[in-house]
């Protein structure tokens, strides 16, 4: 199982596009949740932060082993998600992976994460 929290920087001037992106994901949650199964993604949460004039998105996820990568998906919702990613995420900024120190998942839940 992989538990991670990663910070990505949003390109300048893309706040409205990020608004659209997050609304798109929320609006199509049924389809989004279907695609997570193939990725063995048990939990995926996006947080948003603005520091000074810089905007960041944080991805928190709990993922099982041997899932497909989102880039391998043929589902239309993933393709649209990746279009937003390319439009909004600043690839010149090195993503920051925060260090996982403690994972608290009850055994009865963890047992279902295979």
C-alpha atoms as a PDB file:
ATOM      1  CA  UNK A   1       0.000   0.000   0.000  1.00  0.00           C
ATOM      2  CA  UNK A   2       1.269   3.460  -0.909  1.00  0.00           C
ATOM      3  CA  UNK A   3       0.212   6.482   1.155  1.00  0.00           C
ATOM      4  CA  UNK A   4       1.354   9.864  -0.116  1.00  0.00           C
ATOM      5  CA  UNK A   5       0.786  13.593  -0.015  1.00  0.00           C
ATOM      6  CA  UNK A   6       2.303  15.650  -2.831  1.00  0.00           C
ATOM      7  CA  UNK A   7       2.252  19.387  -3.538  1.00  0.00           C
ATOM      8  CA  UNK A   8       2.010  20.673  -7.119  1.00  0.00           C
ATOM      9  CA  UNK A   9       2.206  24.293  -8.182  1.00  0.00           C
ATOM     10  CA  UNK A  10      -0.518  25.813 -10.347  1.00  0.00           C
ATOM     11  CA  UNK A  11       0.550  27.869 -13.354  1.00  0.00           C
ATOM     12  CA  UNK A  12       0.055  31.624 -12.981  1.00  0.00           C
ATOM     13  CA  UNK A  13      -3.293  32.793 -14.293  1.00  0.00           C
ATOM     14  CA  UNK A  14      -4.910  29.334 -14.124  1.00  0.00           C
ATOM     15  CA  UNK A  15      -7.086  29.795 -11.026  1.00  0.00           C
ATOM     16  CA  UNK A  16     -10.330  29.831 -13.037  1.00  0.00           C
ATOM     17  CA  UNK A  17      -9.248  26.728 -14.966  1.00  0.00           C
ATOM     18  CA  UNK A  18      -8.528  24.993 -11.623  1.00  0.00           C
ATOM     19  CA  UNK A  19     -12.009  26.028 -10.438  1.00  0.00           C
ATOM     20  CA  UNK A  20     -13.458  24.372 -13.566  1.00  0.00           C
ATOM     21  CA  UNK A  21     -11.280  21.281 -13.072  1.00  0.00           C
ATOM     22  CA  UNK A  22     -12.345  20.709  -9.489  1.00  0.00           C
ATOM     23  CA  UNK A  23     -15.995  21.362 -10.387  1.00  0.00           C
ATOM     24  CA  UNK A  24     -15.643  18.866 -13.245  1.00  0.00           C
ATOM     25  CA  UNK A  25     -14.342  16.180 -10.876  1.00  0.00           C
ATOM     26  CA  UNK A  26     -17.077  16.864  -8.322  1.00  0.00           C
ATOM     27  CA  UNK A  27     -19.783  16.945 -10.984  1.00  0.00           C
ATOM     28  CA  UNK A  28     -18.644  13.624 -12.500  1.00  0.00           C
ATOM     29  CA  UNK A  29     -17.865  11.867  -9.215  1.00  0.00           C
ATOM     30  CA  UNK A  30     -19.703   8.661 -10.197  1.00  0.00           C
ATOM     31  CA  UNK A  31     -17.421   8.228 -13.229  1.00  0.00           C
ATOM     32  CA  UNK A  32     -14.337   9.337 -11.293  1.00  0.00           C
ATOM     33  CA  UNK A  33     -14.945   6.702  -8.629  1.00  0.00           C
ATOM     34  CA  UNK A  34     -15.266   4.017 -11.299  1.00  0.00           C
ATOM     35  CA  UNK A  35     -11.839   4.887 -12.695  1.00  0.00           C
ATOM     36  CA  UNK A  36     -10.241   4.711  -9.246  1.00  0.00           C
ATOM     37  CA  UNK A  37     -10.997   0.994  -9.049  1.00  0.00           C
ATOM     38  CA  UNK A  38      -8.611   0.161 -11.909  1.00  0.00           C
ATOM     39  CA  UNK A  39      -5.926   2.306 -10.299  1.00  0.00           C
ATOM     40  CA  UNK A  40      -6.459   0.499  -6.971  1.00  0.00           C
ATOM     41  CA  UNK A  41      -6.876   3.971  -5.542  1.00  0.00           C
ATOM     42  CA  UNK A  42      -8.688   3.611  -2.234  1.00  0.00           C
ATOM     43  CA  UNK A  43      -8.603   7.277  -1.253  1.00  0.00           C
ATOM     44  CA  UNK A  44      -7.741  10.299  -3.345  1.00  0.00           C
ATOM     45  CA  UNK A  45      -8.270  13.803  -2.026  1.00  0.00           C
ATOM     46  CA  UNK A  46      -7.263  17.138  -3.540  1.00  0.00           C
ATOM     47  CA  UNK A  47      -6.506  20.108  -1.302  1.00  0.00           C
ATOM     48  CA  UNK A  48      -5.958  23.679  -2.465  1.00  0.00           C
ATOM     49  CA  UNK A  49      -3.758  26.373  -0.959  1.00  0.00           C
ATOM     50  CA  UNK A  50      -2.704  29.899  -1.838  1.00  0.00           C
ATOM     51  CA  UNK A  51       0.544  31.209  -0.301  1.00  0.00           C
ATOM     52  CA  UNK A  52       1.431  34.802  -1.096  1.00  0.00           C
ATOM     53  CA  UNK A  53       0.557  34.874  -4.797  1.00  0.00           C
ATOM     54  CA  UNK A  54       1.315  31.214  -5.539  1.00  0.00           C
ATOM     55  CA  UNK A  55      -1.385  28.573  -5.775  1.00  0.00           C
ATOM     56  CA  UNK A  56      -0.850  24.891  -4.991  1.00  0.00           C
ATOM     57  CA  UNK A  57      -2.827  21.685  -5.232  1.00  0.00           C
ATOM     58  CA  UNK A  58      -2.059  18.841  -2.846  1.00  0.00           C
ATOM     59  CA  UNK A  59      -2.891  15.234  -3.682  1.00  0.00           C
ATOM     60  CA  UNK A  60      -3.408  12.864  -0.761  1.00  0.00           C
ATOM     61  CA  UNK A  61      -3.827   9.247  -1.741  1.00  0.00           C
ATOM     62  CA  UNK A  62      -3.932   5.719  -0.416  1.00  0.00           C
ATOM     63  CA  UNK A  63      -3.286   3.269  -3.230  1.00  0.00           C
ATOM     64  CA  UNK A  64      -2.888  -0.472  -3.466  1.00  0.00           C
ATOM     65  CA  UNK A  65      -0.247  -2.279  -5.489  1.00  0.00           C
ATOM     66  CA  UNK A  66      -0.387  -3.079  -9.196  1.00  0.00           C
ATOM     67  CA  UNK A  67      -3.032  -0.551 -10.186  1.00  0.00           C
ATOM     68  CA  UNK A  68      -2.949   1.070 -13.598  1.00  0.00           C
ATOM     69  CA  UNK A  69      -1.578   4.582 -13.987  1.00  0.00           C
ATOM     70  CA  UNK A  70      -4.099   7.305 -14.757  1.00  0.00           C
ATOM     71  CA  UNK A  71      -2.103   7.967 -17.945  1.00  0.00           C
ATOM     72  CA  UNK A  72      -2.902   4.402 -19.088  1.00  0.00           C
ATOM     73  CA  UNK A  73      -6.640   4.840 -18.668  1.00  0.00           C
ATOM     74  CA  UNK A  74      -8.881   5.015 -21.719  1.00  0.00           C
ATOM     75  CA  UNK A  75     -11.860   6.398 -19.779  1.00  0.00           C
ATOM     76  CA  UNK A  76     -13.081   9.796 -21.003  1.00  0.00           C
ATOM     77  CA  UNK A  77     -13.140  11.289 -17.494  1.00  0.00           C
ATOM     78  CA  UNK A  78      -9.434  10.478 -17.003  1.00  0.00           C
ATOM     79  CA  UNK A  79      -8.562  11.938 -20.401  1.00  0.00           C
ATOM     80  CA  UNK A  80     -10.337  15.195 -19.463  1.00  0.00           C
ATOM     81  CA  UNK A  81      -8.659  15.153 -16.033  1.00  0.00           C
ATOM     82  CA  UNK A  82      -5.239  14.875 -17.709  1.00  0.00           C
ATOM     83  CA  UNK A  83      -6.087  17.736 -20.081  1.00  0.00           C
ATOM     84  CA  UNK A  84      -6.791  19.954 -17.071  1.00  0.00           C
ATOM     85  CA  UNK A  85      -3.555  18.718 -15.478  1.00  0.00           C
ATOM     86  CA  UNK A  86      -1.500  19.724 -18.508  1.00  0.00           C
ATOM     87  CA  UNK A  87      -3.248  23.084 -18.699  1.00  0.00           C
ATOM     88  CA  UNK A  88      -2.991  23.955 -14.995  1.00  0.00           C
ATOM     89  CA  UNK A  89       0.021  22.268 -13.336  1.00  0.00           C
ATOM     90  CA  UNK A  90       3.388  24.029 -13.543  1.00  0.00           C
ATOM     91  CA  UNK A  91       5.764  21.311 -14.746  1.00  0.00           C
ATOM     92  CA  UNK A  92       8.788  23.564 -14.080  1.00  0.00           C
ATOM     93  CA  UNK A  93       8.094  23.301 -10.324  1.00  0.00           C
ATOM     94  CA  UNK A  94       9.405  20.095  -8.793  1.00  0.00           C
ATOM     95  CA  UNK A  95       6.530  18.412  -6.917  1.00  0.00           C
ATOM     96  CA  UNK A  96       7.088  18.147  -3.178  1.00  0.00           C
ATOM     97  CA  UNK A  97       6.429  14.737  -1.633  1.00  0.00           C
ATOM     98  CA  UNK A  98       5.766  15.083   2.062  1.00  0.00           C
ATOM     99  CA  UNK A  99       7.208  12.329   4.239  1.00  0.00           C
ATOM    100  CA  UNK A 100       4.760   9.738   5.536  1.00  0.00           C
ATOM    101  CA  UNK A 101       5.438   9.203   9.236  1.00  0.00           C
ATOM    102  CA  UNK A 102       2.370   7.408  10.588  1.00  0.00           C
ATOM    103  CA  UNK A 103      -0.439   5.577   8.779  1.00  0.00           C
ATOM    104  CA  UNK A 104      -3.535   4.994  10.884  1.00  0.00           C
ATOM    105  CA  UNK A 105      -5.914   2.646   9.125  1.00  0.00           C
ATOM    106  CA  UNK A 106      -7.847   0.160  11.260  1.00  0.00           C
ATOM    107  CA  UNK A 107      -7.025  -3.462  10.417  1.00  0.00           C
ATOM    108  CA  UNK A 108     -10.610  -4.293   9.410  1.00  0.00           C
ATOM    109  CA  UNK A 109     -10.417  -1.567   6.744  1.00  0.00           C
ATOM    110  CA  UNK A 110      -6.824  -2.336   5.754  1.00  0.00           C
ATOM    111  CA  UNK A 111      -7.785  -5.994   5.192  1.00  0.00           C
ATOM    112  CA  UNK A 112     -10.141  -4.857   2.398  1.00  0.00           C
ATOM    113  CA  UNK A 113      -7.382  -2.897   0.670  1.00  0.00           C
ATOM    114  CA  UNK A 114      -5.811  -5.518  -1.556  1.00  0.00           C
END
